[in-house]
């Protein structure tokens, strides 16, 4: 995967915090910022993925449909 250099505008205290963490991990600030951006990008991609809904029913759908006898509606309104 290709990497691209860019300029980042950030608050001084945020950069200081990340710089300190990078130093503690033995990384450069640039590499640390790359990791932070990669984590955030993954969060955004995950949020965009379609989700499958799940539900719980106390009564089976087939049984409920068999007990209810809804009145048929006409195909076209008169």
Protein backbone atom coordinates (compact mmCIF):
# COMPACT_ATOMS: atom_id res chain seq x y z
CA UNK A 1 0.00 0.00 0.00
CA UNK A 2 1.41 3.38 -0.98
CA UNK A 3 2.10 6.01 1.61
CA UNK A 4 1.68 9.73 1.08
CA UNK A 5 3.23 12.63 2.93
CA UNK A 6 0.97 15.47 3.99
CA UNK A 7 0.82 18.42 6.35
CA UNK A 8 -1.22 18.21 9.53
CA UNK A 9 -2.65 21.18 11.39
CA UNK A 10 -3.19 20.35 15.05
CA UNK A 11 -3.13 21.93 18.48
CA UNK A 12 0.27 22.09 20.16
CA UNK A 13 -0.88 20.13 23.23
CA UNK A 14 -2.31 17.34 21.05
CA UNK A 15 0.95 17.05 19.14
CA UNK A 16 2.89 17.07 22.42
CA UNK A 17 0.76 14.21 23.77
CA UNK A 18 1.22 12.16 20.61
CA UNK A 19 4.93 13.00 20.47
CA UNK A 20 5.37 11.77 24.04
CA UNK A 21 3.47 8.55 23.25
CA UNK A 22 5.51 8.03 20.07
CA UNK A 23 8.75 8.45 22.03
CA UNK A 24 7.54 5.93 24.64
CA UNK A 25 6.81 3.43 21.85
CA UNK A 26 10.07 4.11 20.04
CA UNK A 27 8.32 5.59 16.99
CA UNK A 28 8.64 8.83 15.12
CA UNK A 29 5.84 11.36 15.46
CA UNK A 30 5.06 10.86 11.78
CA UNK A 31 4.66 7.08 12.24
CA UNK A 32 2.51 7.66 15.34
CA UNK A 33 0.25 10.07 13.43
CA UNK A 34 0.00 7.48 10.65
CA UNK A 35 -1.22 4.88 13.15
CA UNK A 36 -3.77 7.30 14.61
CA UNK A 37 -5.07 8.12 11.13
CA UNK A 38 -5.24 4.43 10.18
CA UNK A 39 -7.26 3.63 13.32
CA UNK A 40 -9.68 6.49 12.65
CA UNK A 41 -10.05 5.53 8.98
CA UNK A 42 -10.85 1.94 9.98
CA UNK A 43 -13.51 3.21 12.42
CA UNK A 44 -15.09 5.25 9.62
CA UNK A 45 -15.04 2.30 7.19
CA UNK A 46 -16.57 0.02 9.82
CA UNK A 47 -19.36 2.53 10.51
CA UNK A 48 -20.27 2.58 6.80
CA UNK A 49 -20.59 -1.19 6.47
CA UNK A 50 -24.15 -2.48 6.24
CA UNK A 51 -25.41 -4.11 9.40
CA UNK A 52 -27.78 -7.02 9.70
CA UNK A 53 -30.57 -6.55 12.16
CA UNK A 54 -31.53 -9.26 14.59
CA UNK A 55 -34.72 -9.57 16.57
CA UNK A 56 -36.37 -11.87 19.02
CA UNK A 57 -39.99 -12.91 18.80
CA UNK A 58 -41.87 -14.64 21.59
CA UNK A 59 -44.23 -16.21 19.06
CA UNK A 60 -43.21 -17.81 15.79
CA UNK A 61 -44.07 -15.71 12.76
CA UNK A 62 -45.71 -18.66 10.99
CA UNK A 63 -47.93 -19.41 13.99
CA UNK A 64 -48.95 -15.77 14.39
CA UNK A 65 -49.76 -15.49 10.67
CA UNK A 66 -51.93 -18.61 10.87
CA UNK A 67 -53.94 -17.33 13.85
CA UNK A 68 -54.59 -13.91 12.41
CA UNK A 69 -56.98 -13.76 9.50
CA UNK A 70 -56.65 -10.27 8.08
CA UNK A 71 -59.36 -9.10 5.77
CA UNK A 72 -58.32 -9.12 2.14
CA UNK A 73 -58.00 -5.73 0.51
CA UNK A 74 -59.22 -5.17 -3.05
CA UNK A 75 -56.52 -5.08 -5.69
CA UNK A 76 -57.73 -1.74 -7.04
CA UNK A 77 -59.70 0.92 -5.25
CA UNK A 78 -63.17 1.32 -6.77
